Each structure stands twice: as C-alpha cells, then as structure tokens.
C-alpha cells in the first residue's frame, strides 16, 4: 500500500494543513485495501497506518512512481484509490481548491479526465 499511501498523503497535505479527520480517514480507507492483500488490520494497526501516512512528505517523483504503480494494478484498483482519495479530501468537511486540483490531476493521469 505504499503507492496508495503516497497519493493519500499528498492529498492530505496539499492544502497546507493536515486535518486529523483526514488522517483518520486515510487509516480507514487503506485498511480494506490492505485486507485485499492479507488479513484485515486491527483497529490499533489502522491507527498506526494512519499515523505513518500522516508523517509522509511525498515529492513529485514519489507521486509519479505511485501513479505508475497504481495504473499497473488495473481499473478496479484505480477506482478504489480514487474513491479513497475523495473520502480523504472530504473528511474534514472542507474541499480546498488545491485538493480539487490535485485529485483532478491524479484522475487525469490515471483515467484521462477530471474526477471533481
């Protein structure tokens, strides 16, 4: 889930502040993705995952690699990641213009068109 974590971390940071609700949402949306590859994380592991992602500071190159990896996993996974991204940016009840721009950039890269 490194690639998914990179994208979600970038989205949570793009507006200049990382809201606690966004970090919590990241833990919740990554848990089912992790469970698809193994056992479902425990609540404690979900919190640890969220904290880990909250500490990430992805740069342009790591985002590019993450997008390449997600694209290679196919359309179902792309859909899962984009829906997770929407949940994260909406978690704090605010939709910042920078979040809209980045999520649309991610969507254009993965699907060829904007999402929001």
C-alpha atoms as a PDB file:
ATOM      1  CA  UNK A   1       0.000   0.000   0.000  1.00  0.00           C
ATOM      2  CA  UNK A   2       2.973   2.308  -0.303  1.00  0.00           C
ATOM      3  CA  UNK A   3       1.704   3.815  -3.550  1.00  0.00           C
ATOM      4  CA  UNK A   4      -1.762   4.432  -2.187  1.00  0.00           C
ATOM      5  CA  UNK A   5      -0.269   5.936   0.968  1.00  0.00           C
ATOM      6  CA  UNK A   6       1.856   8.336  -1.081  1.00  0.00           C
ATOM      7  CA  UNK A   7      -1.145   9.632  -3.045  1.00  0.00           C
ATOM      8  CA  UNK A   8      -3.340   9.983   0.026  1.00  0.00           C
ATOM      9  CA  UNK A   9      -0.559  11.699   1.987  1.00  0.00           C
ATOM     10  CA  UNK A  10      -0.036  14.169  -0.842  1.00  0.00           C
ATOM     11  CA  UNK A  11      -3.753  14.929  -0.936  1.00  0.00           C
ATOM     12  CA  UNK A  12      -3.923  15.435   2.812  1.00  0.00           C
ATOM     13  CA  UNK A  13      -1.028  17.926   2.694  1.00  0.00           C
ATOM     14  CA  UNK A  14      -1.765  19.889  -0.461  1.00  0.00           C
ATOM     15  CA  UNK A  15      -3.955  22.499   1.246  1.00  0.00           C
ATOM     16  CA  UNK A  16      -1.169  23.392   3.673  1.00  0.00           C
ATOM     17  CA  UNK A  17      -2.585  21.637   6.721  1.00  0.00           C
ATOM     18  CA  UNK A  18      -3.188  18.034   7.632  1.00  0.00           C
ATOM     19  CA  UNK A  19      -6.522  17.696   9.402  1.00  0.00           C
ATOM     20  CA  UNK A  20      -6.890  14.956  12.000  1.00  0.00           C
ATOM     21  CA  UNK A  21     -10.071  13.835  10.223  1.00  0.00           C
ATOM     22  CA  UNK A  22      -8.101  13.308   7.015  1.00  0.00           C
ATOM     23  CA  UNK A  23      -5.520  11.169   8.786  1.00  0.00           C
ATOM     24  CA  UNK A  24      -8.264   9.084  10.405  1.00  0.00           C
ATOM     25  CA  UNK A  25      -9.942   8.688   7.004  1.00  0.00           C
ATOM     26  CA  UNK A  26      -6.651   7.527   5.482  1.00  0.00           C
ATOM     27  CA  UNK A  27      -6.418   4.728   8.036  1.00  0.00           C
ATOM     28  CA  UNK A  28      -9.993   3.687   7.318  1.00  0.00           C
ATOM     29  CA  UNK A  29      -9.677   3.711   3.523  1.00  0.00           C
ATOM     30  CA  UNK A  30      -6.325   1.922   3.473  1.00  0.00           C
ATOM     31  CA  UNK A  31      -7.451  -0.891   5.784  1.00  0.00           C
ATOM     32  CA  UNK A  32      -9.715  -2.599   3.187  1.00  0.00           C
ATOM     33  CA  UNK A  33      -7.001  -2.206   0.547  1.00  0.00           C
ATOM     34  CA  UNK A  34      -4.554  -3.916   2.906  1.00  0.00           C
ATOM     35  CA  UNK A  35      -7.157  -6.588   3.713  1.00  0.00           C
ATOM     36  CA  UNK A  36      -7.418  -7.343   0.000  1.00  0.00           C
ATOM     37  CA  UNK A  37      -3.773  -8.418   0.163  1.00  0.00           C
ATOM     38  CA  UNK A  38      -3.859 -10.171   3.528  1.00  0.00           C
ATOM     39  CA  UNK A  39      -5.595 -10.060   6.888  1.00  0.00           C
ATOM     40  CA  UNK A  40      -7.697  -7.051   7.878  1.00  0.00           C
ATOM     41  CA  UNK A  41      -5.677  -4.699  10.074  1.00  0.00           C
ATOM     42  CA  UNK A  42      -6.728  -4.464  13.707  1.00  0.00           C
ATOM     43  CA  UNK A  43      -8.009  -1.096  14.991  1.00  0.00           C
ATOM     44  CA  UNK A  44      -4.582  -0.485  16.538  1.00  0.00           C
ATOM     45  CA  UNK A  45      -2.854  -1.276  13.242  1.00  0.00           C
ATOM     46  CA  UNK A  46      -5.255   1.045  11.410  1.00  0.00           C
ATOM     47  CA  UNK A  47      -4.274   3.872  13.752  1.00  0.00           C
ATOM     48  CA  UNK A  48      -0.579   3.085  13.221  1.00  0.00           C
ATOM     49  CA  UNK A  49      -1.071   3.084   9.433  1.00  0.00           C
ATOM     50  CA  UNK A  50      -2.800   6.464   9.590  1.00  0.00           C
ATOM     51  CA  UNK A  51       0.000   7.916  11.716  1.00  0.00           C
ATOM     52  CA  UNK A  52       2.632   6.565   9.326  1.00  0.00           C
ATOM     53  CA  UNK A  53       0.901   8.104   6.322  1.00  0.00           C
ATOM     54  CA  UNK A  54       0.484  11.362   8.213  1.00  0.00           C
ATOM     55  CA  UNK A  55       4.270  11.589   8.511  1.00  0.00           C
ATOM     56  CA  UNK A  56       4.909  11.064   4.791  1.00  0.00           C
ATOM     57  CA  UNK A  57       6.031  14.042   2.734  1.00  0.00           C
ATOM     58  CA  UNK A  58       5.767  12.793  -0.851  1.00  0.00           C
ATOM     59  CA  UNK A  59       7.600  14.673  -3.562  1.00  0.00           C
ATOM     60  CA  UNK A  60       6.875  14.865  -7.255  1.00  0.00           C
ATOM     61  CA  UNK A  61       8.968  11.808  -8.152  1.00  0.00           C
ATOM     62  CA  UNK A  62       7.434   9.573  -5.466  1.00  0.00           C
ATOM     63  CA  UNK A  63       3.964  10.663  -6.593  1.00  0.00           C
ATOM     64  CA  UNK A  64       4.857   9.818 -10.218  1.00  0.00           C
ATOM     65  CA  UNK A  65       6.098   6.351  -9.192  1.00  0.00           C
ATOM     66  CA  UNK A  66       2.967   5.801  -7.098  1.00  0.00           C
ATOM     67  CA  UNK A  67       0.712   6.723 -10.020  1.00  0.00           C
ATOM     68  CA  UNK A  68       2.615   4.348 -12.315  1.00  0.00           C
ATOM     69  CA  UNK A  69       2.224   1.536  -9.781  1.00  0.00           C
ATOM     70  CA  UNK A  70      -1.493   2.185  -9.249  1.00  0.00           C
ATOM     71  CA  UNK A  71      -2.102   2.340 -13.016  1.00  0.00           C
ATOM     72  CA  UNK A  72      -0.416  -1.051 -13.455  1.00  0.00           C
ATOM     73  CA  UNK A  73      -2.858  -2.621 -10.984  1.00  0.00           C
ATOM     74  CA  UNK A  74      -5.800  -2.043 -13.309  1.00  0.00           C
ATOM     75  CA  UNK A  75      -9.097  -0.179 -13.490  1.00  0.00           C
ATOM     76  CA  UNK A  76     -10.720  -1.699 -10.402  1.00  0.00           C
ATOM     77  CA  UNK A  77      -7.808  -0.655  -8.240  1.00  0.00           C
ATOM     78  CA  UNK A  78      -7.712   2.804  -9.820  1.00  0.00           C
ATOM     79  CA  UNK A  79     -11.390   3.209  -8.935  1.00  0.00           C
ATOM     80  CA  UNK A  80     -10.723   2.082  -5.357  1.00  0.00           C
ATOM     81  CA  UNK A  81      -7.862   4.551  -4.951  1.00  0.00           C
ATOM     82  CA  UNK A  82      -9.817   7.466  -6.418  1.00  0.00           C
ATOM     83  CA  UNK A  83     -12.819   6.786  -4.189  1.00  0.00           C
ATOM     84  CA  UNK A  84     -10.466   6.598  -1.208  1.00  0.00           C
ATOM     85  CA  UNK A  85      -8.954   9.921  -2.273  1.00  0.00           C
ATOM     86  CA  UNK A  86     -12.382  11.565  -2.390  1.00  0.00           C
ATOM     87  CA  UNK A  87     -13.173  10.296   1.110  1.00  0.00           C
ATOM     88  CA  UNK A  88      -9.903  11.686   2.437  1.00  0.00           C
ATOM     89  CA  UNK A  89     -10.249  15.174   0.950  1.00  0.00           C
ATOM     90  CA  UNK A  90     -13.833  15.434   2.169  1.00  0.00           C
ATOM     91  CA  UNK A  91     -13.087  14.082   5.659  1.00  0.00           C
ATOM     92  CA  UNK A  92     -12.555  17.485   7.258  1.00  0.00           C
ATOM     93  CA  UNK A  93     -15.726  18.935   5.738  1.00  0.00           C
ATOM     94  CA  UNK A  94     -13.744  21.361   3.581  1.00  0.00           C
ATOM     95  CA  UNK A  95     -12.819  20.983  -0.062  1.00  0.00           C
ATOM     96  CA  UNK A  96      -9.840  23.244  -0.683  1.00  0.00           C
ATOM     97  CA  UNK A  97      -9.117  24.345  -4.292  1.00  0.00           C
ATOM     98  CA  UNK A  98      -5.638  22.767  -4.071  1.00  0.00           C
ATOM     99  CA  UNK A  99      -7.243  19.427  -3.106  1.00  0.00           C
ATOM    100  CA  UNK A 100      -9.578  19.640  -6.095  1.00  0.00           C
ATOM    101  CA  UNK A 101      -6.665  20.438  -8.395  1.00  0.00           C
ATOM    102  CA  UNK A 102      -4.517  17.553  -7.143  1.00  0.00           C
ATOM    103  CA  UNK A 103      -7.296  14.971  -7.139  1.00  0.00           C
ATOM    104  CA  UNK A 104      -8.199  16.015 -10.688  1.00  0.00           C
ATOM    105  CA  UNK A 105      -4.534  15.826 -11.735  1.00  0.00           C
ATOM    106  CA  UNK A 106      -4.377  12.299 -10.298  1.00  0.00           C
ATOM    107  CA  UNK A 107      -7.611  11.369 -12.072  1.00  0.00           C
ATOM    108  CA  UNK A 108      -6.442  12.801 -15.395  1.00  0.00           C
ATOM    109  CA  UNK A 109      -3.198  10.855 -15.074  1.00  0.00           C
ATOM    110  CA  UNK A 110      -4.962   7.583 -14.216  1.00  0.00           C
ATOM    111  CA  UNK A 111      -8.201   7.876 -16.207  1.00  0.00           C
ATOM    112  CA  UNK A 112      -7.701  10.644 -18.719  1.00  0.00           C
ATOM    113  CA  UNK A 113     -10.244  13.037 -17.182  1.00  0.00           C
ATOM    114  CA  UNK A 114     -11.032  15.002 -14.025  1.00  0.00           C
ATOM    115  CA  UNK A 115     -12.965  13.459 -11.137  1.00  0.00           C
ATOM    116  CA  UNK A 116     -14.384  16.525  -9.384  1.00  0.00           C
END
